[in-house]
């Protein structure tokens, strides 16, 4: 899902050894582990503080406080809102990086690439902590929590470990690729908007339906179609065609990309399946309402003329 495998295996040996200063002059400071850890820690604290603030406001100053399970609803909505906000900021960061590095997708640099990568890892650590604490509060063991969210634990921990290693060895190259991968957070905006609408009891509204369509469309564009787009830009940069660009990449890069695409296709099919079930359920509910109306009408005596 993320650029680690792609960045580590890009072969730069085909490029000029003395590229133009306009595209490769070091405009950003080099990657340092202390700076990365500091940004990551501050990011984790910031997202945690945002969650606690939203949870307090939702549980104290909204109608949820009158519900028996109001705190649980407020906690879920606060989590969805924080995830949505992170997705928006990641999208903005991705757009900025792409704009700043569009002139040379491999050698142009952006100070946002390393910085927001650390911010994103801080968010992942916050998200893992929230999942774990929520499960422990529900009397689940650590093993049960990991088993329930195995994919999330693997993804978050793997990226947390791989990200600093990749950033330290890539020498500020392929910032554009990082920007493209940050745009993969766009569907998360609509996905969590859908969760918020469902939590507010708005799952039967047109807004919910339109948001679902945007979720499917944005997922297809930013999680599937973005891969051939990146390889198209890479082919242009290497002076080859899209069908032959794989010959210039390491095998690990190709295998990593196939794995990423396979995961995205799987989740895309799951989203489409959920949309189909929702449509089928809504259609069934409408049919039941019509049948109930007909039954009631049959038993209501007609007025005498």
C-alpha atoms as a PDB file:
ATOM      1  CA  UNK A   1       0.000   0.000   0.000  1.00  0.00           C
ATOM      2  CA  UNK A   2       2.958   2.292   0.583  1.00  0.00           C
ATOM      3  CA  UNK A   3       6.066   3.241  -1.411  1.00  0.00           C
ATOM      4  CA  UNK A   4       8.667   1.413   0.651  1.00  0.00           C
ATOM      5  CA  UNK A   5       9.216  -1.540  -1.670  1.00  0.00           C
ATOM      6  CA  UNK A   6       9.013   0.611  -4.785  1.00  0.00           C
ATOM      7  CA  UNK A   7      11.465   3.228  -3.510  1.00  0.00           C
ATOM      8  CA  UNK A   8      14.019   0.734  -2.267  1.00  0.00           C
ATOM      9  CA  UNK A   9      14.256  -1.073  -5.577  1.00  0.00           C
ATOM     10  CA  UNK A  10      14.302   1.764  -8.115  1.00  0.00           C
ATOM     11  CA  UNK A  11      17.447   1.512 -10.211  1.00  0.00           C
ATOM     12  CA  UNK A  12      19.070   4.955 -10.650  1.00  0.00           C
ATOM     13  CA  UNK A  13      22.125   3.731 -12.510  1.00  0.00           C
ATOM     14  CA  UNK A  14      20.635   4.646 -15.880  1.00  0.00           C
ATOM     15  CA  UNK A  15      20.497   8.352 -15.068  1.00  0.00           C
ATOM     16  CA  UNK A  16      23.074  11.035 -15.548  1.00  0.00           C
ATOM     17  CA  UNK A  17      25.621  11.339 -12.743  1.00  0.00           C
ATOM     18  CA  UNK A  18      25.580  15.143 -12.759  1.00  0.00           C
ATOM     19  CA  UNK A  19      21.966  16.160 -13.114  1.00  0.00           C
ATOM     20  CA  UNK A  20      20.870  19.718 -13.503  1.00  0.00           C
ATOM     21  CA  UNK A  21      21.071  21.819 -10.313  1.00  0.00           C
ATOM     22  CA  UNK A  22      17.547  23.098 -10.863  1.00  0.00           C
ATOM     23  CA  UNK A  23      16.042  19.693 -10.150  1.00  0.00           C
ATOM     24  CA  UNK A  24      18.473  18.124  -7.709  1.00  0.00           C
ATOM     25  CA  UNK A  25      20.100  20.871  -5.661  1.00  0.00           C
ATOM     26  CA  UNK A  26      19.644  20.012  -2.004  1.00  0.00           C
ATOM     27  CA  UNK A  27      16.792  22.315  -1.048  1.00  0.00           C
ATOM     28  CA  UNK A  28      15.846  20.227   1.966  1.00  0.00           C
ATOM     29  CA  UNK A  29      17.930  19.063   4.930  1.00  0.00           C
ATOM     30  CA  UNK A  30      19.185  15.468   4.888  1.00  0.00           C
ATOM     31  CA  UNK A  31      17.280  12.761   6.693  1.00  0.00           C
ATOM     32  CA  UNK A  32      18.298  12.361  10.326  1.00  0.00           C
ATOM     33  CA  UNK A  33      16.912   9.751  12.698  1.00  0.00           C
ATOM     34  CA  UNK A  34      16.625  12.127  15.709  1.00  0.00           C
ATOM     35  CA  UNK A  35      14.626  14.631  13.653  1.00  0.00           C
ATOM     36  CA  UNK A  36      12.432  11.858  12.289  1.00  0.00           C
ATOM     37  CA  UNK A  37      11.733  10.451  15.766  1.00  0.00           C
ATOM     38  CA  UNK A  38      10.946  13.922  17.112  1.00  0.00           C
ATOM     39  CA  UNK A  39       8.422  14.619  14.344  1.00  0.00           C
ATOM     40  CA  UNK A  40       6.903  11.157  14.741  1.00  0.00           C
ATOM     41  CA  UNK A  41       6.490  11.612  18.509  1.00  0.00           C
ATOM     42  CA  UNK A  42       4.955  15.063  18.193  1.00  0.00           C
ATOM     43  CA  UNK A  43       2.590  13.735  15.524  1.00  0.00           C
ATOM     44  CA  UNK A  44       1.460  10.882  17.772  1.00  0.00           C
ATOM     45  CA  UNK A  45       0.858  13.324  20.633  1.00  0.00           C
ATOM     46  CA  UNK A  46      -1.028  15.729  18.347  1.00  0.00           C
ATOM     47  CA  UNK A  47      -3.396  13.068  16.960  1.00  0.00           C
ATOM     48  CA  UNK A  48      -3.988  11.677  20.447  1.00  0.00           C
ATOM     49  CA  UNK A  49      -4.780  15.156  21.774  1.00  0.00           C
ATOM     50  CA  UNK A  50      -7.136  15.773  18.860  1.00  0.00           C
ATOM     51  CA  UNK A  51      -8.957  12.519  19.571  1.00  0.00           C
ATOM     52  CA  UNK A  52      -9.334  13.305  23.276  1.00  0.00           C
ATOM     53  CA  UNK A  53     -10.613  16.799  22.479  1.00  0.00           C
ATOM     54  CA  UNK A  54     -13.194  15.540  19.989  1.00  0.00           C
ATOM     55  CA  UNK A  55     -14.259  12.752  22.340  1.00  0.00           C
ATOM     56  CA  UNK A  56     -14.760  15.242  25.183  1.00  0.00           C
ATOM     57  CA  UNK A  57     -16.803  17.615  23.025  1.00  0.00           C
ATOM     58  CA  UNK A  58     -18.958  14.861  21.524  1.00  0.00           C
ATOM     59  CA  UNK A  59     -19.623  13.159  24.846  1.00  0.00           C
ATOM     60  CA  UNK A  60     -20.385  16.355  26.785  1.00  0.00           C
ATOM     61  CA  UNK A  61     -22.009  18.804  24.369  1.00  0.00           C
ATOM     62  CA  UNK A  62     -24.011  16.661  21.931  1.00  0.00           C
ATOM     63  CA  UNK A  63     -27.228  14.610  22.241  1.00  0.00           C
ATOM     64  CA  UNK A  64     -25.063  11.478  22.584  1.00  0.00           C
ATOM     65  CA  UNK A  65     -24.618  12.254  26.289  1.00  0.00           C
ATOM     66  CA  UNK A  66     -28.251  11.271  26.877  1.00  0.00           C
ATOM     67  CA  UNK A  67     -27.794   7.788  25.417  1.00  0.00           C
ATOM     68  CA  UNK A  68     -26.870   4.772  27.489  1.00  0.00           C
ATOM     69  CA  UNK A  69     -24.085   3.979  25.047  1.00  0.00           C
ATOM     70  CA  UNK A  70     -23.376   7.623  24.259  1.00  0.00           C
ATOM     71  CA  UNK A  71     -19.722   7.470  25.273  1.00  0.00           C
ATOM     72  CA  UNK A  72     -19.122   4.524  22.963  1.00  0.00           C
ATOM     73  CA  UNK A  73     -20.748   6.362  20.045  1.00  0.00           C
ATOM     74  CA  UNK A  74     -18.746   9.503  20.811  1.00  0.00           C
ATOM     75  CA  UNK A  75     -15.530   7.489  20.973  1.00  0.00           C
ATOM     76  CA  UNK A  76     -16.183   5.853  17.594  1.00  0.00           C
ATOM     77  CA  UNK A  77     -17.121   9.144  15.938  1.00  0.00           C
ATOM     78  CA  UNK A  78     -14.047  10.851  17.381  1.00  0.00           C
ATOM     79  CA  UNK A  79     -11.864   8.085  15.950  1.00  0.00           C
ATOM     80  CA  UNK A  80     -13.503   8.375  12.532  1.00  0.00           C
ATOM     81  CA  UNK A  81     -13.095  12.161  12.543  1.00  0.00           C
ATOM     82  CA  UNK A  82      -9.395  11.977  13.442  1.00  0.00           C
ATOM     83  CA  UNK A  83      -8.801   9.422  10.677  1.00  0.00           C
ATOM     84  CA  UNK A  84     -10.675  11.607   8.215  1.00  0.00           C
ATOM     85  CA  UNK A  85      -8.670  14.678   9.204  1.00  0.00           C
ATOM     86  CA  UNK A  86      -5.436  12.741   8.757  1.00  0.00           C
ATOM     87  CA  UNK A  87      -6.599  11.616   5.312  1.00  0.00           C
ATOM     88  CA  UNK A  88      -7.287  15.235   4.333  1.00  0.00           C
ATOM     89  CA  UNK A  89      -3.867  16.419   5.522  1.00  0.00           C
ATOM     90  CA  UNK A  90      -2.165  13.484   3.756  1.00  0.00           C
ATOM     91  CA  UNK A  91      -3.976  14.403   0.536  1.00  0.00           C
ATOM     92  CA  UNK A  92      -2.874  18.029   0.834  1.00  0.00           C
ATOM     93  CA  UNK A  93       0.715  16.941   1.537  1.00  0.00           C
ATOM     94  CA  UNK A  94       0.626  14.589  -1.457  1.00  0.00           C
ATOM     95  CA  UNK A  95      -0.608  17.346  -3.766  1.00  0.00           C
ATOM     96  CA  UNK A  96       2.109  19.716  -2.537  1.00  0.00           C
ATOM     97  CA  UNK A  97       4.843  17.107  -3.035  1.00  0.00           C
ATOM     98  CA  UNK A  98       3.605  16.223  -6.541  1.00  0.00           C
ATOM     99  CA  UNK A  99       3.417  19.889  -7.513  1.00  0.00           C
ATOM    100  CA  UNK A 100       6.936  20.597  -6.254  1.00  0.00           C
ATOM    101  CA  UNK A 101       8.525  17.516  -7.861  1.00  0.00           C
ATOM    102  CA  UNK A 102       6.594  17.234 -11.120  1.00  0.00           C
ATOM    103  CA  UNK A 103       9.572  18.475 -13.129  1.00  0.00           C
ATOM    104  CA  UNK A 104      11.589  15.346 -12.312  1.00  0.00           C
ATOM    105  CA  UNK A 105       9.721  12.495 -10.641  1.00  0.00           C
ATOM    106  CA  UNK A 106      12.915  10.806  -9.414  1.00  0.00           C
ATOM    107  CA  UNK A 107      15.395  13.560  -8.595  1.00  0.00           C
ATOM    108  CA  UNK A 108      13.310  16.625  -7.688  1.00  0.00           C
ATOM    109  CA  UNK A 109      12.956  17.148  -3.952  1.00  0.00           C
ATOM    110  CA  UNK A 110      10.311  18.349  -1.528  1.00  0.00           C
ATOM    111  CA  UNK A 111      10.783  19.028   2.164  1.00  0.00           C
ATOM    112  CA  UNK A 112       7.278  17.625   2.739  1.00  0.00           C
ATOM    113  CA  UNK A 113       8.226  14.068   1.759  1.00  0.00           C
ATOM    114  CA  UNK A 114      10.353  13.123   4.762  1.00  0.00           C
ATOM    115  CA  UNK A 115       8.367  15.345   7.124  1.00  0.00           C
ATOM    116  CA  UNK A 116       4.930  13.967   6.386  1.00  0.00           C
ATOM    117  CA  UNK A 117       6.239  10.405   6.267  1.00  0.00           C
ATOM    118  CA  UNK A 118       7.204  10.885   9.920  1.00  0.00           C
ATOM    119  CA  UNK A 119       3.830  12.505  10.637  1.00  0.00           C
ATOM    120  CA  UNK A 120       2.058   9.546   9.057  1.00  0.00           C
ATOM    121  CA  UNK A 121       4.000   7.041  11.159  1.00  0.00           C
ATOM    122  CA  UNK A 122       3.025   9.044  14.249  1.00  0.00           C
ATOM    123  CA  UNK A 123      -0.600   8.685  13.203  1.00  0.00           C
ATOM    124  CA  UNK A 124      -0.180   4.920  12.772  1.00  0.00           C
ATOM    125  CA  UNK A 125       1.210   4.625  16.294  1.00  0.00           C
ATOM    126  CA  UNK A 126      -1.741   6.643  17.632  1.00  0.00           C
ATOM    127  CA  UNK A 127      -4.147   4.404  15.717  1.00  0.00           C
ATOM    128  CA  UNK A 128      -2.550   1.229  17.072  1.00  0.00           C
ATOM    129  CA  UNK A 129      -2.667   2.598  20.617  1.00  0.00           C
ATOM    130  CA  UNK A 130      -6.333   3.505  20.242  1.00  0.00           C
ATOM    131  CA  UNK A 131      -7.231   0.031  18.944  1.00  0.00           C
ATOM    132  CA  UNK A 132      -5.304  -1.691  21.716  1.00  0.00           C
ATOM    133  CA  UNK A 133      -6.704   0.481  24.525  1.00  0.00           C
ATOM    134  CA  UNK A 134     -10.250   0.108  23.189  1.00  0.00           C
ATOM    135  CA  UNK A 135      -9.932  -3.670  23.108  1.00  0.00           C
ATOM    136  CA  UNK A 136      -8.373  -3.798  26.584  1.00  0.00           C
ATOM    137  CA  UNK A 137     -11.231  -1.634  27.860  1.00  0.00           C
ATOM    138  CA  UNK A 138     -13.624  -4.200  26.393  1.00  0.00           C
ATOM    139  CA  UNK A 139     -11.873  -6.908  28.453  1.00  0.00           C
ATOM    140  CA  UNK A 140     -10.030  -8.360  25.467  1.00  0.00           C
ATOM    141  CA  UNK A 141      -6.543  -9.768  25.820  1.00  0.00           C
ATOM    142  CA  UNK A 142      -3.595  -8.582  23.749  1.00  0.00           C
ATOM    143  CA  UNK A 143      -3.708 -11.797  21.722  1.00  0.00           C
ATOM    144  CA  UNK A 144      -7.429 -11.381  21.060  1.00  0.00           C
ATOM    145  CA  UNK A 145      -6.877  -7.778  19.968  1.00  0.00           C
ATOM    146  CA  UNK A 146      -4.129  -8.771  17.535  1.00  0.00           C
ATOM    147  CA  UNK A 147      -6.238 -11.612  16.163  1.00  0.00           C
ATOM    148  CA  UNK A 148      -9.227  -9.305  15.642  1.00  0.00           C
ATOM    149  CA  UNK A 149      -7.155  -6.658  13.838  1.00  0.00           C
ATOM    150  CA  UNK A 150      -4.330  -8.748  12.428  1.00  0.00           C
ATOM    151  CA  UNK A 151      -4.151  -6.948   9.068  1.00  0.00           C
ATOM    152  CA  UNK A 152      -4.059  -3.539  10.772  1.00  0.00           C
ATOM    153  CA  UNK A 153      -1.318  -4.591  13.199  1.00  0.00           C
ATOM    154  CA  UNK A 154       0.821  -6.045  10.401  1.00  0.00           C
ATOM    155  CA  UNK A 155       0.368  -2.997   8.162  1.00  0.00           C
ATOM    156  CA  UNK A 156       1.007  -0.405  10.877  1.00  0.00           C
ATOM    157  CA  UNK A 157       4.004  -2.149  12.442  1.00  0.00           C
ATOM    158  CA  UNK A 158       5.574  -3.037   9.092  1.00  0.00           C
ATOM    159  CA  UNK A 159       5.338   0.512   7.813  1.00  0.00           C
ATOM    160  CA  UNK A 160       6.603   1.900  11.123  1.00  0.00           C
ATOM    161  CA  UNK A 161       9.733  -0.261  10.794  1.00  0.00           C
ATOM    162  CA  UNK A 162      10.302   0.061   7.047  1.00  0.00           C
ATOM    163  CA  UNK A 163       9.641   3.816   6.665  1.00  0.00           C
ATOM    164  CA  UNK A 164      12.733   5.196   8.464  1.00  0.00           C
ATOM    165  CA  UNK A 165      14.983   2.612   6.792  1.00  0.00           C
ATOM    166  CA  UNK A 166      13.687   3.548   3.347  1.00  0.00           C
ATOM    167  CA  UNK A 167      13.921   7.283   3.997  1.00  0.00           C
ATOM    168  CA  UNK A 168      17.516   6.956   5.194  1.00  0.00           C
ATOM    169  CA  UNK A 169      18.800   5.042   2.143  1.00  0.00           C
ATOM    170  CA  UNK A 170      16.880   6.683  -0.706  1.00  0.00           C
ATOM    171  CA  UNK A 171      18.882   9.951  -0.544  1.00  0.00           C
ATOM    172  CA  UNK A 172      15.845  12.192  -1.181  1.00  0.00           C
ATOM    173  CA  UNK A 173      15.029  10.458  -4.454  1.00  0.00           C
ATOM    174  CA  UNK A 174      11.548   9.613  -5.732  1.00  0.00           C
ATOM    175  CA  UNK A 175       9.750  12.217  -3.622  1.00  0.00           C
ATOM    176  CA  UNK A 176       7.140  12.284  -6.380  1.00  0.00           C
ATOM    177  CA  UNK A 177       6.346   8.612  -5.722  1.00  0.00           C
ATOM    178  CA  UNK A 178       5.789   9.392  -2.043  1.00  0.00           C
ATOM    179  CA  UNK A 179       3.369  12.141  -3.067  1.00  0.00           C
ATOM    180  CA  UNK A 180       1.427   9.703  -5.228  1.00  0.00           C
ATOM    181  CA  UNK A 181       1.171   7.201  -2.408  1.00  0.00           C
ATOM    182  CA  UNK A 182      -0.092   9.882  -0.045  1.00  0.00           C
ATOM    183  CA  UNK A 183      -2.920  10.507  -2.496  1.00  0.00           C
ATOM    184  CA  UNK A 184      -4.025   6.960  -1.792  1.00  0.00           C
ATOM    185  CA  UNK A 185      -5.546   8.416   1.385  1.00  0.00           C
ATOM    186  CA  UNK A 186      -8.242  10.225  -0.650  1.00  0.00           C
ATOM    187  CA  UNK A 187     -10.757   7.324  -0.453  1.00  0.00           C
ATOM    188  CA  UNK A 188     -10.305   7.256   3.331  1.00  0.00           C
ATOM    189  CA  UNK A 189     -11.937  10.695   3.488  1.00  0.00           C
ATOM    190  CA  UNK A 190     -15.171   9.373   1.996  1.00  0.00           C
ATOM    191  CA  UNK A 191     -14.918   6.042   3.807  1.00  0.00           C
ATOM    192  CA  UNK A 192     -14.872   7.693   7.216  1.00  0.00           C
ATOM    193  CA  UNK A 193     -17.505  10.194   6.151  1.00  0.00           C
ATOM    194  CA  UNK A 194     -19.678   7.165   5.474  1.00  0.00           C
ATOM    195  CA  UNK A 195     -18.917   5.802   8.942  1.00  0.00           C
ATOM    196  CA  UNK A 196     -19.810   9.139  10.533  1.00  0.00           C
ATOM    197  CA  UNK A 197     -23.099   9.291   8.624  1.00  0.00           C
ATOM    198  CA  UNK A 198     -23.927   5.758   9.710  1.00  0.00           C
ATOM    199  CA  UNK A 199     -23.115   6.648  13.315  1.00  0.00           C
ATOM    200  CA  UNK A 200     -25.475   9.609  13.084  1.00  0.00           C
ATOM    201  CA  UNK A 201     -28.275   7.413  11.728  1.00  0.00           C
ATOM    202  CA  UNK A 202     -28.101   8.858   8.213  1.00  0.00           C
ATOM    203  CA  UNK A 203     -27.484   5.615   6.345  1.00  0.00           C
ATOM    204  CA  UNK A 204     -30.807   5.852   4.513  1.00  0.00           C
ATOM    205  CA  UNK A 205     -30.214   9.322   3.061  1.00  0.00           C
ATOM    206  CA  UNK A 206     -29.168  10.369  -0.425  1.00  0.00           C
ATOM    207  CA  UNK A 207     -26.027  11.929   1.017  1.00  0.00           C
ATOM    208  CA  UNK A 208     -24.981   8.484   2.253  1.00  0.00           C
ATOM    209  CA  UNK A 209     -25.579   6.998  -1.201  1.00  0.00           C
ATOM    210  CA  UNK A 210     -23.688   9.762  -3.021  1.00  0.00           C
ATOM    211  CA  UNK A 211     -20.813   9.469  -0.561  1.00  0.00           C
ATOM    212  CA  UNK A 212     -20.729   5.708  -1.206  1.00  0.00           C
ATOM    213  CA  UNK A 213     -20.420   6.335  -4.935  1.00  0.00           C
ATOM    214  CA  UNK A 214     -17.578   8.779  -4.286  1.00  0.00           C
ATOM    215  CA  UNK A 215     -15.892   6.151  -2.103  1.00  0.00           C
ATOM    216  CA  UNK A 216     -15.974   3.571  -4.901  1.00  0.00           C
ATOM    217  CA  UNK A 217     -14.894   6.053  -7.576  1.00  0.00           C
ATOM    218  CA  UNK A 218     -12.052   7.561  -5.543  1.00  0.00           C
ATOM    219  CA  UNK A 219     -10.845   4.120  -4.486  1.00  0.00           C
ATOM    220  CA  UNK A 220     -10.628   2.986  -8.098  1.00  0.00           C
ATOM    221  CA  UNK A 221      -8.742   6.120  -9.164  1.00  0.00           C
ATOM    222  CA  UNK A 222      -6.358   6.563  -6.234  1.00  0.00           C
ATOM    223  CA  UNK A 223      -5.810   2.946  -5.185  1.00  0.00           C
ATOM    224  CA  UNK A 224      -5.846   1.116  -8.545  1.00  0.00           C
ATOM    225  CA  UNK A 225      -5.461   3.453 -11.532  1.00  0.00           C
ATOM    226  CA  UNK A 226      -2.654   5.344  -9.793  1.00  0.00           C
ATOM    227  CA  UNK A 227      -0.277   2.384 -10.233  1.00  0.00           C
ATOM    228  CA  UNK A 228      -0.246   2.384 -14.055  1.00  0.00           C
ATOM    229  CA  UNK A 229      -0.041   6.178 -13.902  1.00  0.00           C
ATOM    230  CA  UNK A 230       3.108   6.048 -11.749  1.00  0.00           C
ATOM    231  CA  UNK A 231       4.700   3.475 -14.048  1.00  0.00           C
ATOM    232  CA  UNK A 232       3.736   5.607 -17.048  1.00  0.00           C
ATOM    233  CA  UNK A 233       5.568   8.589 -15.548  1.00  0.00           C
ATOM    234  CA  UNK A 234       8.491   6.329 -14.678  1.00  0.00           C
ATOM    235  CA  UNK A 235       8.608   5.044 -18.247  1.00  0.00           C
ATOM    236  CA  UNK A 236       8.709   8.617 -19.542  1.00  0.00           C
ATOM    237  CA  UNK A 237      11.542   9.452 -17.169  1.00  0.00           C
ATOM    238  CA  UNK A 238      13.561   6.406 -18.241  1.00  0.00           C
ATOM    239  CA  UNK A 239      12.867   6.912 -21.936  1.00  0.00           C
ATOM    240  CA  UNK A 240      11.002   3.663 -22.465  1.00  0.00           C
ATOM    241  CA  UNK A 241       7.421   2.494 -22.837  1.00  0.00           C
ATOM    242  CA  UNK A 242       4.895   1.441 -20.214  1.00  0.00           C
ATOM    243  CA  UNK A 243       5.049  -2.160 -21.423  1.00  0.00           C
ATOM    244  CA  UNK A 244       8.839  -2.298 -21.086  1.00  0.00           C
ATOM    245  CA  UNK A 245       9.442  -0.203 -17.969  1.00  0.00           C
ATOM    246  CA  UNK A 246       9.406  -3.331 -15.788  1.00  0.00           C
ATOM    247  CA  UNK A 247      12.698  -4.376 -17.403  1.00  0.00           C
ATOM    248  CA  UNK A 248      14.420  -1.392 -15.762  1.00  0.00           C
ATOM    249  CA  UNK A 249      13.236  -2.300 -12.264  1.00  0.00           C
ATOM    250  CA  UNK A 250      14.428  -4.837  -9.765  1.00  0.00           C
ATOM    251  CA  UNK A 251      12.421  -8.014  -9.304  1.00  0.00           C
ATOM    252  CA  UNK A 252      11.641  -7.029  -5.704  1.00  0.00           C
ATOM    253  CA  UNK A 253      10.021  -3.835  -6.964  1.00  0.00           C
ATOM    254  CA  UNK A 254       7.799  -5.741  -9.386  1.00  0.00           C
ATOM    255  CA  UNK A 255       6.793  -8.313  -6.772  1.00  0.00           C
ATOM    256  CA  UNK A 256       6.095  -5.612  -4.203  1.00  0.00           C
ATOM    257  CA  UNK A 257       3.919  -3.731  -6.658  1.00  0.00           C
ATOM    258  CA  UNK A 258       1.972  -6.863  -7.547  1.00  0.00           C
ATOM    259  CA  UNK A 259       1.376  -7.506  -3.843  1.00  0.00           C
ATOM    260  CA  UNK A 260       0.181  -3.920  -3.306  1.00  0.00           C
ATOM    261  CA  UNK A 261      -2.173  -4.044  -6.278  1.00  0.00           C
ATOM    262  CA  UNK A 262      -3.540  -7.426  -5.171  1.00  0.00           C
ATOM    263  CA  UNK A 263      -4.436  -6.008  -1.758  1.00  0.00           C
ATOM    264  CA  UNK A 264      -6.082  -2.970  -3.323  1.00  0.00           C
ATOM    265  CA  UNK A 265      -8.120  -5.133  -5.714  1.00  0.00           C
ATOM    266  CA  UNK A 266      -9.286  -7.289  -2.807  1.00  0.00           C
ATOM    267  CA  UNK A 267     -10.463  -4.316  -0.775  1.00  0.00           C
ATOM    268  CA  UNK A 268     -12.056  -2.727  -3.826  1.00  0.00           C
ATOM    269  CA  UNK A 269     -14.113  -5.874  -4.346  1.00  0.00           C
ATOM    270  CA  UNK A 270     -15.082  -5.823  -0.658  1.00  0.00           C
ATOM    271  CA  UNK A 271     -16.281  -2.209  -0.962  1.00  0.00           C
ATOM    272  CA  UNK A 272     -18.298  -3.054  -4.077  1.00  0.00           C
ATOM    273  CA  UNK A 273     -19.770  -6.069  -2.282  1.00  0.00           C
ATOM    274  CA  UNK A 274     -20.786  -3.888   0.648  1.00  0.00           C
ATOM    275  CA  UNK A 275     -22.385  -1.387  -1.730  1.00  0.00           C
ATOM    276  CA  UNK A 276     -24.315  -4.169  -3.451  1.00  0.00           C
ATOM    277  CA  UNK A 277     -25.593  -5.487  -0.118  1.00  0.00           C
ATOM    278  CA  UNK A 278     -26.642  -1.986   0.903  1.00  0.00           C
ATOM    279  CA  UNK A 279     -28.535  -1.502  -2.368  1.00  0.00           C
ATOM    280  CA  UNK A 280     -30.206  -4.887  -2.000  1.00  0.00           C
ATOM    281  CA  UNK A 281     -31.196  -4.149   1.612  1.00  0.00           C
ATOM    282  CA  UNK A 282     -32.642  -0.748   0.735  1.00  0.00           C
ATOM    283  CA  UNK A 283     -34.612  -2.270  -2.142  1.00  0.00           C
ATOM    284  CA  UNK A 284     -35.981  -4.968   0.163  1.00  0.00           C
ATOM    285  CA  UNK A 285     -37.000  -2.403   2.770  1.00  0.00           C
ATOM    286  CA  UNK A 286     -38.866  -0.382   0.156  1.00  0.00           C
ATOM    287  CA  UNK A 287     -40.663  -3.508  -1.023  1.00  0.00           C
ATOM    288  CA  UNK A 288     -41.712  -4.337   2.544  1.00  0.00           C
ATOM    289  CA  UNK A 289     -43.004  -0.805   3.084  1.00  0.00           C
ATOM    290  CA  UNK A 290     -45.045  -0.939  -0.119  1.00  0.00           C
ATOM    291  CA  UNK A 291     -46.517  -4.316   0.822  1.00  0.00           C
ATOM    292  CA  UNK A 292     -47.382  -3.050   4.318  1.00  0.00           C
ATOM    293  CA  UNK A 293     -49.093  -0.034   2.814  1.00  0.00           C
ATOM    294  CA  UNK A 294     -51.162  -2.264   0.528  1.00  0.00           C
ATOM    295  CA  UNK A 295     -52.193  -4.482   3.444  1.00  0.00           C
ATOM    296  CA  UNK A 296     -53.215  -1.507   5.546  1.00  0.00           C
ATOM    297  CA  UNK A 297     -55.173  -0.044   2.659  1.00  0.00           C
ATOM    298  CA  UNK A 298     -57.030  -3.343   2.163  1.00  0.00           C
ATOM    299  CA  UNK A 299     -58.216  -3.372   5.767  1.00  0.00           C
ATOM    300  CA  UNK A 300     -59.248   0.268   5.911  1.00  0.00           C
ATOM    301  CA  UNK A 301     -63.005   0.502   5.176  1.00  0.00           C
ATOM    302  CA  UNK A 302     -63.852   2.699   2.255  1.00  0.00           C
ATOM    303  CA  UNK A 303     -66.000   5.720   2.939  1.00  0.00           C
ATOM    304  CA  UNK A 304     -69.576   5.495   1.882  1.00  0.00           C
ATOM    305  CA  UNK A 305     -70.299   7.617  -1.104  1.00  0.00           C
END
